[in-house]
Amino acid sequence: MVAVETEAWSSSELVIAKQAFQAAYEREIAALVAEVRQRVEQVSQIEEIWILHDFLSARRHQMDGKYDDDLTALLFTFAGLVKEGWLRLEDLQGLSADKLSKIKALTRM
């Protein structure tokens, strides 16, 4: 397992991290909106509305947990977002080589 202790973040790294975090969030939101639009078009019965409601509730819970900007877990968060395709390593350019290597290693786990 990769050891990830609390990292020091420079002010420029914090700006990069915030921008990357926001980019991933916006990508996932755009995909969710497209999926919801598609699902809404298929709704024809009240039961399908409740299924959509349950889907949205679950997704909200999932996203609220995923987009945690706690600095002690940010490398793990970024690795997860890269693995899911919402974030690209290029979005993280400017972070220290050490942080980038840890994120890359975590994406392989």
PDB file of N, CA and C in Angstrom:
ATOM      1  N   MET A   1       0.841  -1.183   0.000  1.00  0.00           N
ATOM      2  CA  MET A   1       0.000   0.000   0.000  1.00  0.00           C
ATOM      3  C   MET A   1       0.882   1.242   0.000  1.00  0.00           C
ATOM      4  N   VAL A   2       0.425   2.272  -0.652  1.00  0.00           N
ATOM      5  CA  VAL A   2       1.160   3.524  -0.732  1.00  0.00           C
ATOM      6  C   VAL A   2       0.923   4.306   0.547  1.00  0.00           C
ATOM      7  N   ALA A   3       1.998   4.726   1.181  1.00  0.00           N
ATOM      8  CA  ALA A   3       1.867   5.536   2.391  1.00  0.00           C
ATOM      9  C   ALA A   3       1.578   6.969   1.985  1.00  0.00           C
ATOM     10  N   VAL A   4       0.500   7.490   2.494  1.00  0.00           N
ATOM     11  CA  VAL A   4       0.139   8.876   2.193  1.00  0.00           C
ATOM     12  C   VAL A   4      -0.105   9.581   3.515  1.00  0.00           C
ATOM     13  N   GLU A   5       0.903  10.302   3.943  1.00  0.00           N
ATOM     14  CA  GLU A   5       0.735  11.069   5.174  1.00  0.00           C
ATOM     15  C   GLU A   5       0.214  12.452   4.818  1.00  0.00           C
ATOM     16  N   THR A   6      -0.116  13.208   5.815  1.00  0.00           N
ATOM     17  CA  THR A   6      -0.613  14.554   5.565  1.00  0.00           C
ATOM     18  C   THR A   6       0.444  15.331   4.795  1.00  0.00           C
ATOM     19  N   GLU A   7       0.039  15.821   3.660  1.00  0.00           N
ATOM     20  CA  GLU A   7       0.931  16.546   2.770  1.00  0.00           C
ATOM     21  C   GLU A   7       0.817  18.044   3.014  1.00  0.00           C
ATOM     22  N   ALA A   8       1.918  18.723   2.803  1.00  0.00           N
ATOM     23  CA  ALA A   8       1.890  20.187   2.819  1.00  0.00           C
ATOM     24  C   ALA A   8       1.498  20.637   1.414  1.00  0.00           C
ATOM     25  N   TRP A   9       0.583  21.572   1.345  1.00  0.00           N
ATOM     26  CA  TRP A   9       0.117  22.084   0.062  1.00  0.00           C
ATOM     27  C   TRP A   9       0.517  23.548  -0.063  1.00  0.00           C
ATOM     28  N   SER A  10       1.232  23.873  -1.140  1.00  0.00           N
ATOM     29  CA  SER A  10       1.596  25.265  -1.384  1.00  0.00           C
ATOM     30  C   SER A  10       0.349  26.007  -1.860  1.00  0.00           C
ATOM     31  N   SER A  11       0.428  27.323  -1.844  1.00  0.00           N
ATOM     32  CA  SER A  11      -0.730  28.108  -2.287  1.00  0.00           C
ATOM     33  C   SER A  11      -1.027  27.859  -3.767  1.00  0.00           C
ATOM     34  N   SER A  12       0.009  27.693  -4.583  1.00  0.00           N
ATOM     35  CA  SER A  12      -0.239  27.421  -6.007  1.00  0.00           C
ATOM     36  C   SER A  12      -0.840  26.030  -6.195  1.00  0.00           C
ATOM     37  N   GLU A  13      -0.429  25.062  -5.387  1.00  0.00           N
ATOM     38  CA  GLU A  13      -1.008  23.725  -5.471  1.00  0.00           C
ATOM     39  C   GLU A  13      -2.469  23.741  -5.037  1.00  0.00           C
ATOM     40  N   LEU A  14      -2.795  24.551  -4.054  1.00  0.00           N
ATOM     41  CA  LEU A  14      -4.184  24.652  -3.619  1.00  0.00           C
ATOM     42  C   LEU A  14      -5.069  25.210  -4.722  1.00  0.00           C
ATOM     43  N   VAL A  15      -4.540  26.174  -5.483  1.00  0.00           N
ATOM     44  CA  VAL A  15      -5.295  26.730  -6.614  1.00  0.00           C
ATOM     45  C   VAL A  15      -5.511  25.646  -7.666  1.00  0.00           C
ATOM     46  N   ILE A  16      -4.459  24.911  -7.999  1.00  0.00           N
ATOM     47  CA  ILE A  16      -4.550  23.830  -8.986  1.00  0.00           C
ATOM     48  C   ILE A  16      -5.541  22.775  -8.510  1.00  0.00           C
ATOM     49  N   ALA A  17      -5.449  22.405  -7.239  1.00  0.00           N
ATOM     50  CA  ALA A  17      -6.335  21.382  -6.680  1.00  0.00           C
ATOM     51  C   ALA A  17      -7.789  21.834  -6.750  1.00  0.00           C
ATOM     52  N   LYS A  18      -8.040  23.080  -6.409  1.00  0.00           N
ATOM     53  CA  LYS A  18      -9.416  23.604  -6.438  1.00  0.00           C
ATOM     54  C   LYS A  18      -9.956  23.593  -7.863  1.00  0.00           C
ATOM     55  N   GLN A  19      -9.139  24.001  -8.826  1.00  0.00           N
ATOM     56  CA  GLN A  19      -9.565  24.018 -10.220  1.00  0.00           C
ATOM     57  C   GLN A  19      -9.825  22.603 -10.735  1.00  0.00           C
ATOM     58  N   ALA A  20      -8.955  21.670 -10.391  1.00  0.00           N
ATOM     59  CA  ALA A  20      -9.118  20.283 -10.823  1.00  0.00           C
ATOM     60  C   ALA A  20     -10.368  19.672 -10.191  1.00  0.00           C
ATOM     61  N   PHE A  21     -10.545  19.929  -8.925  1.00  0.00           N
ATOM     62  CA  PHE A  21     -11.701  19.439  -8.186  1.00  0.00           C
ATOM     63  C   PHE A  21     -12.987  19.947  -8.840  1.00  0.00           C
ATOM     64  N   GLN A  22     -13.017  21.231  -9.158  1.00  0.00           N
ATOM     65  CA  GLN A  22     -14.189  21.841  -9.788  1.00  0.00           C
ATOM     66  C   GLN A  22     -14.430  21.279 -11.179  1.00  0.00           C
ATOM     67  N   ALA A  23     -13.354  21.059 -11.947  1.00  0.00           N
ATOM     68  CA  ALA A  23     -13.496  20.504 -13.295  1.00  0.00           C
ATOM     69  C   ALA A  23     -14.107  19.106 -13.243  1.00  0.00           C
ATOM     70  N   ALA A  24     -13.629  18.284 -12.326  1.00  0.00           N
ATOM     71  CA  ALA A  24     -14.171  16.932 -12.189  1.00  0.00           C
ATOM     72  C   ALA A  24     -15.643  16.987 -11.798  1.00  0.00           C
ATOM     73  N   TYR A  25     -15.976  17.838 -10.852  1.00  0.00           N
ATOM     74  CA  TYR A  25     -17.352  17.982 -10.396  1.00  0.00           C
ATOM     75  C   TYR A  25     -18.259  18.413 -11.547  1.00  0.00           C
ATOM     76  N   GLU A  26     -17.829  19.387 -12.301  1.00  0.00           N
ATOM     77  CA  GLU A  26     -18.631  19.876 -13.421  1.00  0.00           C
ATOM     78  C   GLU A  26     -18.816  18.805 -14.490  1.00  0.00           C
ATOM     79  N   ARG A  27     -17.779  18.003 -14.752  1.00  0.00           N
ATOM     80  CA  ARG A  27     -17.898  16.913 -15.728  1.00  0.00           C
ATOM     81  C   ARG A  27     -18.931  15.885 -15.253  1.00  0.00           C
ATOM     82  N   GLU A  28     -18.848  15.537 -13.983  1.00  0.00           N
ATOM     83  CA  GLU A  28     -19.776  14.529 -13.474  1.00  0.00           C
ATOM     84  C   GLU A  28     -21.200  15.076 -13.438  1.00  0.00           C
ATOM     85  N   ILE A  29     -21.363  16.328 -13.067  1.00  0.00           N
ATOM     86  CA  ILE A  29     -22.698  16.948 -13.056  1.00  0.00           C
ATOM     87  C   ILE A  29     -23.277  16.973 -14.468  1.00  0.00           C
ATOM     88  N   ALA A  30     -22.476  17.325 -15.447  1.00  0.00           N
ATOM     89  CA  ALA A  30     -22.960  17.360 -16.840  1.00  0.00           C
ATOM     90  C   ALA A  30     -23.424  15.976 -17.284  1.00  0.00           C
ATOM     91  N   ALA A  31     -22.671  14.954 -16.912  1.00  0.00           N
ATOM     92  CA  ALA A  31     -23.058  13.585 -17.264  1.00  0.00           C
ATOM     93  C   ALA A  31     -24.345  13.184 -16.540  1.00  0.00           C
ATOM     94  N   LEU A  32     -24.468  13.588 -15.289  1.00  0.00           N
ATOM     95  CA  LEU A  32     -25.671  13.277 -14.524  1.00  0.00           C
ATOM     96  C   LEU A  32     -26.896  13.976 -15.114  1.00  0.00           C
ATOM     97  N   VAL A  33     -26.756  15.226 -15.472  1.00  0.00           N
ATOM     98  CA  VAL A  33     -27.876  15.968 -16.073  1.00  0.00           C
ATOM     99  C   VAL A  33     -28.318  15.288 -17.364  1.00  0.00           C
ATOM    100  N   ALA A  34     -27.369  14.864 -18.182  1.00  0.00           N
ATOM    101  CA  ALA A  34     -27.710  14.177 -19.432  1.00  0.00           C
ATOM    102  C   ALA A  34     -28.437  12.862 -19.141  1.00  0.00           C
ATOM    103  N   GLU A  35     -27.963  12.128 -18.143  1.00  0.00           N
ATOM    104  CA  GLU A  35     -28.610  10.867 -17.794  1.00  0.00           C
ATOM    105  C   GLU A  35     -30.020  11.100 -17.257  1.00  0.00           C
ATOM    106  N   VAL A  36     -30.195  12.118 -16.424  1.00  0.00           N
ATOM    107  CA  VAL A  36     -31.520  12.416 -15.874  1.00  0.00           C
ATOM    108  C   VAL A  36     -32.470  12.817 -16.995  1.00  0.00           C
ATOM    109  N   ARG A  37     -32.005  13.618 -17.922  1.00  0.00           N
ATOM    110  CA  ARG A  37     -32.862  14.012 -19.054  1.00  0.00           C
ATOM    111  C   ARG A  37     -33.331  12.780 -19.820  1.00  0.00           C
ATOM    112  N   GLN A  38     -32.410  11.862 -20.051  1.00  0.00           N
ATOM    113  CA  GLN A  38     -32.753  10.633 -20.771  1.00  0.00           C
ATOM    114  C   GLN A  38     -33.772   9.814 -19.980  1.00  0.00           C
ATOM    115  N   ARG A  39     -33.563   9.694 -18.679  1.00  0.00           N
ATOM    116  CA  ARG A  39     -34.491   8.922 -17.843  1.00  0.00           C
ATOM    117  C   ARG A  39     -35.868   9.585 -17.775  1.00  0.00           C
ATOM    118  N   VAL A  40     -35.898  10.909 -17.695  1.00  0.00           N
ATOM    119  CA  VAL A  40     -37.174  11.623 -17.611  1.00  0.00           C
ATOM    120  C   VAL A  40     -37.997  11.383 -18.875  1.00  0.00           C
ATOM    121  N   GLU A  41     -37.346  11.343 -20.006  1.00  0.00           N
ATOM    122  CA  GLU A  41     -38.061  11.113 -21.265  1.00  0.00           C
ATOM    123  C   GLU A  41     -38.756   9.757 -21.284  1.00  0.00           C
ATOM    124  N   GLN A  42     -38.263   8.815 -20.486  1.00  0.00           N
ATOM    125  CA  GLN A  42     -38.818   7.465 -20.474  1.00  0.00           C
ATOM    126  C   GLN A  42     -39.875   7.267 -19.386  1.00  0.00           C
ATOM    127  N   VAL A  43     -40.099   8.269 -18.570  1.00  0.00           N
ATOM    128  CA  VAL A  43     -41.076   8.149 -17.490  1.00  0.00           C
ATOM    129  C   VAL A  43     -42.487   8.168 -18.076  1.00  0.00           C
ATOM    130  N   SER A  44     -43.252   7.131 -17.707  1.00  0.00           N
ATOM    131  CA  SER A  44     -44.642   7.088 -18.157  1.00  0.00           C
ATOM    132  C   SER A  44     -45.596   6.687 -17.033  1.00  0.00           C
ATOM    133  N   GLN A  45     -45.033   6.264 -15.894  1.00  0.00           N
ATOM    134  CA  GLN A  45     -45.867   5.837 -14.776  1.00  0.00           C
ATOM    135  C   GLN A  45     -45.312   6.421 -13.478  1.00  0.00           C
ATOM    136  N   ILE A  46     -46.183   6.541 -12.503  1.00  0.00           N
ATOM    137  CA  ILE A  46     -45.767   7.112 -11.222  1.00  0.00           C
ATOM    138  C   ILE A  46     -44.633   6.310 -10.581  1.00  0.00           C
ATOM    139  N   GLU A  47     -44.651   5.000 -10.735  1.00  0.00           N
ATOM    140  CA  GLU A  47     -43.588   4.172 -10.154  1.00  0.00           C
ATOM    141  C   GLU A  47     -42.218   4.558 -10.712  1.00  0.00           C
ATOM    142  N   GLU A  48     -42.207   4.942 -11.971  1.00  0.00           N
ATOM    143  CA  GLU A  48     -40.947   5.350 -12.590  1.00  0.00           C
ATOM    144  C   GLU A  48     -40.443   6.679 -12.026  1.00  0.00           C
ATOM    145  N   ILE A  49     -41.358   7.519 -11.601  1.00  0.00           N
ATOM    146  CA  ILE A  49     -40.966   8.774 -10.950  1.00  0.00           C
ATOM    147  C   ILE A  49     -40.279   8.467  -9.627  1.00  0.00           C
ATOM    148  N   TRP A  50     -40.836   7.515  -8.863  1.00  0.00           N
ATOM    149  CA  TRP A  50     -40.222   7.163  -7.571  1.00  0.00           C
ATOM    150  C   TRP A  50     -38.878   6.478  -7.780  1.00  0.00           C
ATOM    151  N   ILE A  51     -38.753   5.707  -8.829  1.00  0.00           N
ATOM    152  CA  ILE A  51     -37.459   5.089  -9.144  1.00  0.00           C
ATOM    153  C   ILE A  51     -36.441   6.181  -9.469  1.00  0.00           C
ATOM    154  N   LEU A  52     -36.856   7.173 -10.233  1.00  0.00           N
ATOM    155  CA  LEU A  52     -35.974   8.299 -10.562  1.00  0.00           C
ATOM    156  C   LEU A  52     -35.596   9.062  -9.293  1.00  0.00           C
ATOM    157  N   HIS A  53     -36.556   9.267  -8.429  1.00  0.00           N
ATOM    158  CA  HIS A  53     -36.290   9.930  -7.155  1.00  0.00           C
ATOM    159  C   HIS A  53     -35.245   9.156  -6.357  1.00  0.00           C
ATOM    160  N   ASP A  54     -35.411   7.844  -6.263  1.00  0.00           N
ATOM    161  CA  ASP A  54     -34.453   7.018  -5.529  1.00  0.00           C
ATOM    162  C   ASP A  54     -33.064   7.079  -6.163  1.00  0.00           C
ATOM    163  N   PHE A  55     -33.021   7.057  -7.490  1.00  0.00           N
ATOM    164  CA  PHE A  55     -31.752   7.168  -8.213  1.00  0.00           C
ATOM    165  C   PHE A  55     -31.062   8.487  -7.875  1.00  0.00           C
ATOM    166  N   LEU A  56     -31.825   9.570  -7.918  1.00  0.00           N
ATOM    167  CA  LEU A  56     -31.243  10.885  -7.630  1.00  0.00           C
ATOM    168  C   LEU A  56     -30.787  10.997  -6.180  1.00  0.00           C
ATOM    169  N   SER A  57     -31.557  10.449  -5.271  1.00  0.00           N
ATOM    170  CA  SER A  57     -31.157  10.478  -3.857  1.00  0.00           C
ATOM    171  C   SER A  57     -29.851   9.723  -3.646  1.00  0.00           C
ATOM    172  N   ALA A  58     -29.743   8.563  -4.273  1.00  0.00           N
ATOM    173  CA  ALA A  58     -28.512   7.763  -4.145  1.00  0.00           C
ATOM    174  C   ALA A  58     -27.328   8.489  -4.764  1.00  0.00           C
ATOM    175  N   ARG A  59     -27.528   9.072  -5.926  1.00  0.00           N
ATOM    176  CA  ARG A  59     -26.440   9.800  -6.594  1.00  0.00           C
ATOM    177  C   ARG A  59     -26.007  11.014  -5.772  1.00  0.00           C
ATOM    178  N   ARG A  60     -26.959  11.704  -5.172  1.00  0.00           N
ATOM    179  CA  ARG A  60     -26.607  12.860  -4.347  1.00  0.00           C
ATOM    180  C   ARG A  60     -25.750  12.412  -3.165  1.00  0.00           C
ATOM    181  N   HIS A  61     -26.160  11.355  -2.526  1.00  0.00           N
ATOM    182  CA  HIS A  61     -25.396  10.830  -1.393  1.00  0.00           C
ATOM    183  C   HIS A  61     -23.989  10.427  -1.844  1.00  0.00           C
ATOM    184  N   GLN A  62     -23.913   9.745  -2.959  1.00  0.00           N
ATOM    185  CA  GLN A  62     -22.619   9.309  -3.498  1.00  0.00           C
ATOM    186  C   GLN A  62     -21.717  10.502  -3.823  1.00  0.00           C
ATOM    187  N   MET A  63     -22.271  11.495  -4.481  1.00  0.00           N
ATOM    188  CA  MET A  63     -21.464  12.653  -4.879  1.00  0.00           C
ATOM    189  C   MET A  63     -21.067  13.505  -3.681  1.00  0.00           C
ATOM    190  N   ASP A  64     -21.967  13.653  -2.714  1.00  0.00           N
ATOM    191  CA  ASP A  64     -21.623  14.421  -1.520  1.00  0.00           C
ATOM    192  C   ASP A  64     -20.428  13.792  -0.807  1.00  0.00           C
ATOM    193  N   GLY A  65     -20.380  12.476  -0.777  1.00  0.00           N
ATOM    194  CA  GLY A  65     -19.257  11.794  -0.149  1.00  0.00           C
ATOM    195  C   GLY A  65     -17.993  11.830  -0.991  1.00  0.00           C
ATOM    196  N   LYS A  66     -18.167  11.735  -2.280  1.00  0.00           N
ATOM    197  CA  LYS A  66     -17.014  11.684  -3.188  1.00  0.00           C
ATOM    198  C   LYS A  66     -16.272  13.010  -3.267  1.00  0.00           C
ATOM    199  N   TYR A  67     -17.002  14.097  -3.314  1.00  0.00           N
ATOM    200  CA  TYR A  67     -16.387  15.403  -3.487  1.00  0.00           C
ATOM    201  C   TYR A  67     -16.087  16.048  -2.134  1.00  0.00           C
ATOM    202  N   ASP A  68     -15.273  15.351  -1.382  1.00  0.00           N
ATOM    203  CA  ASP A  68     -14.809  15.823  -0.081  1.00  0.00           C
ATOM    204  C   ASP A  68     -13.443  16.460  -0.304  1.00  0.00           C
ATOM    205  N   ASP A  69     -13.318  17.726   0.014  1.00  0.00           N
ATOM    206  CA  ASP A  69     -12.061  18.432  -0.243  1.00  0.00           C
ATOM    207  C   ASP A  69     -11.151  18.484   0.988  1.00  0.00           C
ATOM    208  N   ASP A  70     -11.303  17.535   1.881  1.00  0.00           N
ATOM    209  CA  ASP A  70     -10.434  17.428   3.043  1.00  0.00           C
ATOM    210  C   ASP A  70      -8.996  17.182   2.556  1.00  0.00           C
ATOM    211  N   LEU A  71      -8.096  18.067   2.916  1.00  0.00           N
ATOM    212  CA  LEU A  71      -6.711  17.966   2.431  1.00  0.00           C
ATOM    213  C   LEU A  71      -6.033  16.663   2.813  1.00  0.00           C
ATOM    214  N   THR A  72      -6.428  16.070   3.935  1.00  0.00           N
ATOM    215  CA  THR A  72      -5.770  14.821   4.352  1.00  0.00           C
ATOM    216  C   THR A  72      -6.157  13.650   3.457  1.00  0.00           C
ATOM    217  N   ALA A  73      -7.260  13.779   2.721  1.00  0.00           N
ATOM    218  CA  ALA A  73      -7.706  12.687   1.856  1.00  0.00           C
ATOM    219  C   ALA A  73      -7.697  13.080   0.379  1.00  0.00           C
ATOM    220  N   LEU A  74      -7.208  14.258   0.063  1.00  0.00           N
ATOM    221  CA  LEU A  74      -7.331  14.779  -1.296  1.00  0.00           C
ATOM    222  C   LEU A  74      -6.605  13.930  -2.341  1.00  0.00           C
ATOM    223  N   LEU A  75      -5.467  13.376  -1.998  1.00  0.00           N
ATOM    224  CA  LEU A  75      -4.765  12.523  -2.965  1.00  0.00           C
ATOM    225  C   LEU A  75      -5.605  11.293  -3.301  1.00  0.00           C
ATOM    226  N   PHE A  76      -6.254  10.716  -2.294  1.00  0.00           N
ATOM    227  CA  PHE A  76      -7.141   9.577  -2.524  1.00  0.00           C
ATOM    228  C   PHE A  76      -8.350   9.995  -3.364  1.00  0.00           C
ATOM    229  N   THR A  77      -8.900  11.163  -3.051  1.00  0.00           N
ATOM    230  CA  THR A  77     -10.045  11.675  -3.805  1.00  0.00           C
ATOM    231  C   THR A  77      -9.668  11.870  -5.262  1.00  0.00           C
ATOM    232  N   PHE A  78      -8.532  12.498  -5.506  1.00  0.00           N
ATOM    233  CA  PHE A  78      -8.091  12.709  -6.887  1.00  0.00           C
ATOM    234  C   PHE A  78      -7.857  11.388  -7.601  1.00  0.00           C
ATOM    235  N   ALA A  79      -7.248  10.435  -6.939  1.00  0.00           N
ATOM    236  CA  ALA A  79      -7.003   9.129  -7.560  1.00  0.00           C
ATOM    237  C   ALA A  79      -8.324   8.468  -7.942  1.00  0.00           C
ATOM    238  N   GLY A  80      -9.305   8.540  -7.063  1.00  0.00           N
ATOM    239  CA  GLY A  80     -10.612   7.965  -7.359  1.00  0.00           C
ATOM    240  C   GLY A  80     -11.279   8.650  -8.541  1.00  0.00           C
ATOM    241  N   LEU A  81     -11.171   9.965  -8.599  1.00  0.00           N
ATOM    242  CA  LEU A  81     -11.767  10.717  -9.705  1.00  0.00           C
ATOM    243  C   LEU A  81     -11.073  10.405 -11.027  1.00  0.00           C
ATOM    244  N   VAL A  82      -9.763  10.189 -10.986  1.00  0.00           N
ATOM    245  CA  VAL A  82      -9.033   9.802 -12.194  1.00  0.00           C
ATOM    246  C   VAL A  82      -9.494   8.410 -12.641  1.00  0.00           C
ATOM    247  N   LYS A  83      -9.593   7.486 -11.690  1.00  0.00           N
ATOM    248  CA  LYS A  83     -10.026   6.123 -12.023  1.00  0.00           C
ATOM    249  C   LYS A  83     -11.425   6.114 -12.634  1.00  0.00           C
ATOM    250  N   GLU A  84     -12.294   6.977 -12.153  1.00  0.00           N
ATOM    251  CA  GLU A  84     -13.664   7.032 -12.659  1.00  0.00           C
ATOM    252  C   GLU A  84     -13.780   7.817 -13.964  1.00  0.00           C
ATOM    253  N   GLY A  85     -12.723   8.529 -14.338  1.00  0.00           N
ATOM    254  CA  GLY A  85     -12.728   9.264 -15.596  1.00  0.00           C
ATOM    255  C   GLY A  85     -13.210  10.699 -15.495  1.00  0.00           C
ATOM    256  N   TRP A  86     -13.478  11.188 -14.289  1.00  0.00           N
ATOM    257  CA  TRP A  86     -13.948  12.568 -14.138  1.00  0.00           C
ATOM    258  C   TRP A  86     -12.799  13.564 -14.084  1.00  0.00           C
ATOM    259  N   LEU A  87     -11.615  13.065 -13.804  1.00  0.00           N
ATOM    260  CA  LEU A  87     -10.433  13.915 -13.684  1.00  0.00           C
ATOM    261  C   LEU A  87      -9.325  13.302 -14.526  1.00  0.00           C
ATOM    262  N   ARG A  88      -8.520  14.143 -15.147  1.00  0.00           N
ATOM    263  CA  ARG A  88      -7.369  13.684 -15.929  1.00  0.00           C
ATOM    264  C   ARG A  88      -6.102  14.106 -15.192  1.00  0.00           C
ATOM    265  N   LEU A  89      -5.078  13.311 -15.332  1.00  0.00           N
ATOM    266  CA  LEU A  89      -3.805  13.661 -14.688  1.00  0.00           C
ATOM    267  C   LEU A  89      -3.316  15.020 -15.168  1.00  0.00           C
ATOM    268  N   GLU A  90      -3.640  15.371 -16.401  1.00  0.00           N
ATOM    269  CA  GLU A  90      -3.243  16.672 -16.933  1.00  0.00           C
ATOM    270  C   GLU A  90      -3.872  17.816 -16.129  1.00  0.00           C
ATOM    271  N   ASP A  91      -5.041  17.560 -15.550  1.00  0.00           N
ATOM    272  CA  ASP A  91      -5.708  18.582 -14.736  1.00  0.00           C
ATOM    273  C   ASP A  91      -4.914  18.883 -13.469  1.00  0.00           C
ATOM    274  N   LEU A  92      -4.022  17.977 -13.108  1.00  0.00           N
ATOM    275  CA  LEU A  92      -3.270  18.100 -11.859  1.00  0.00           C
ATOM    276  C   LEU A  92      -1.837  18.589 -12.066  1.00  0.00           C
ATOM    277  N   GLN A  93      -1.497  18.915 -13.310  1.00  0.00           N
ATOM    278  CA  GLN A  93      -0.149  19.401 -13.579  1.00  0.00           C
ATOM    279  C   GLN A  93       0.110  20.665 -12.767  1.00  0.00           C
ATOM    280  N   GLY A  94       1.266  20.697 -12.147  1.00  0.00           N
ATOM    281  CA  GLY A  94       1.621  21.808 -11.273  1.00  0.00           C
ATOM    282  C   GLY A  94       1.688  21.378  -9.824  1.00  0.00           C
ATOM    283  N   LEU A  95       1.084  20.209  -9.525  1.00  0.00           N
ATOM    284  CA  LEU A  95       1.268  19.647  -8.184  1.00  0.00           C
ATOM    285  C   LEU A  95       2.686  19.101  -8.110  1.00  0.00           C
ATOM    286  N   SER A  96       3.196  18.919  -6.919  1.00  0.00           N
ATOM    287  CA  SER A  96       4.559  18.402  -6.768  1.00  0.00           C
ATOM    288  C   SER A  96       4.666  17.016  -7.402  1.00  0.00           C
ATOM    289  N   ALA A  97       5.866  16.680  -7.831  1.00  0.00           N
ATOM    290  CA  ALA A  97       6.116  15.363  -8.426  1.00  0.00           C
ATOM    291  C   ALA A  97       5.745  14.252  -7.451  1.00  0.00           C
ATOM    292  N   ASP A  98       5.979  14.488  -6.177  1.00  0.00           N
ATOM    293  CA  ASP A  98       5.649  13.495  -5.149  1.00  0.00           C
ATOM    294  C   ASP A  98       4.138  13.252  -5.086  1.00  0.00           C
ATOM    295  N   LYS A  99       3.368  14.308  -5.094  1.00  0.00           N
ATOM    296  CA  LYS A  99       1.910  14.169  -5.051  1.00  0.00           C
ATOM    297  C   LYS A  99       1.397  13.471  -6.303  1.00  0.00           C
ATOM    298  N   LEU A 100       1.919  13.869  -7.459  1.00  0.00           N
ATOM    299  CA  LEU A 100       1.487  13.246  -8.711  1.00  0.00           C
ATOM    300  C   LEU A 100       1.834  11.762  -8.743  1.00  0.00           C
ATOM    301  N   SER A 101       2.998  11.408  -8.266  1.00  0.00           N
ATOM    302  CA  SER A 101       3.372   9.985  -8.266  1.00  0.00           C
ATOM    303  C   SER A 101       2.490   9.186  -7.315  1.00  0.00           C
ATOM    304  N   LYS A 102       2.130   9.784  -6.182  1.00  0.00           N
ATOM    305  CA  LYS A 102       1.226   9.088  -5.252  1.00  0.00           C
ATOM    306  C   LYS A 102      -0.166   8.918  -5.863  1.00  0.00           C
ATOM    307  N   ILE A 103      -0.651   9.934  -6.530  1.00  0.00           N
ATOM    308  CA  ILE A 103      -1.964   9.841  -7.176  1.00  0.00           C
ATOM    309  C   ILE A 103      -1.925   8.755  -8.242  1.00  0.00           C
ATOM    310  N   LYS A 104      -0.879   8.743  -9.061  1.00  0.00           N
ATOM    311  CA  LYS A 104      -0.745   7.723 -10.106  1.00  0.00           C
ATOM    312  C   LYS A 104      -0.707   6.326  -9.506  1.00  0.00           C
ATOM    313  N   ALA A 105       0.054   6.166  -8.428  1.00  0.00           N
ATOM    314  CA  ALA A 105       0.137   4.860  -7.765  1.00  0.00           C
ATOM    315  C   ALA A 105      -1.226   4.434  -7.225  1.00  0.00           C
ATOM    316  N   LEU A 106      -1.951   5.374  -6.641  1.00  0.00           N
ATOM    317  CA  LEU A 106      -3.271   5.060  -6.082  1.00  0.00           C
ATOM    318  C   LEU A 106      -4.283   4.685  -7.167  1.00  0.00           C
ATOM    319  N   THR A 107      -4.099   5.218  -8.369  1.00  0.00           N
ATOM    320  CA  THR A 107      -5.035   4.871  -9.456  1.00  0.00           C
ATOM    321  C   THR A 107      -4.836   3.439  -9.920  1.00  0.00           C
ATOM    322  N   ARG A 108      -3.707   2.864  -9.622  1.00  0.00           N
ATOM    323  CA  ARG A 108      -3.432   1.471 -10.018  1.00  0.00           C
ATOM    324  C   ARG A 108      -3.905   0.467  -8.973  1.00  0.00           C
ATOM    325  N   MET A 109      -4.416   0.946  -7.884  1.00  0.00           N
ATOM    326  CA  MET A 109      -4.852   0.031  -6.806  1.00  0.00           C
ATOM    327  C   MET A 109      -6.282  -0.383  -7.009  1.00  0.00           C
TER     328      MET A 109
END
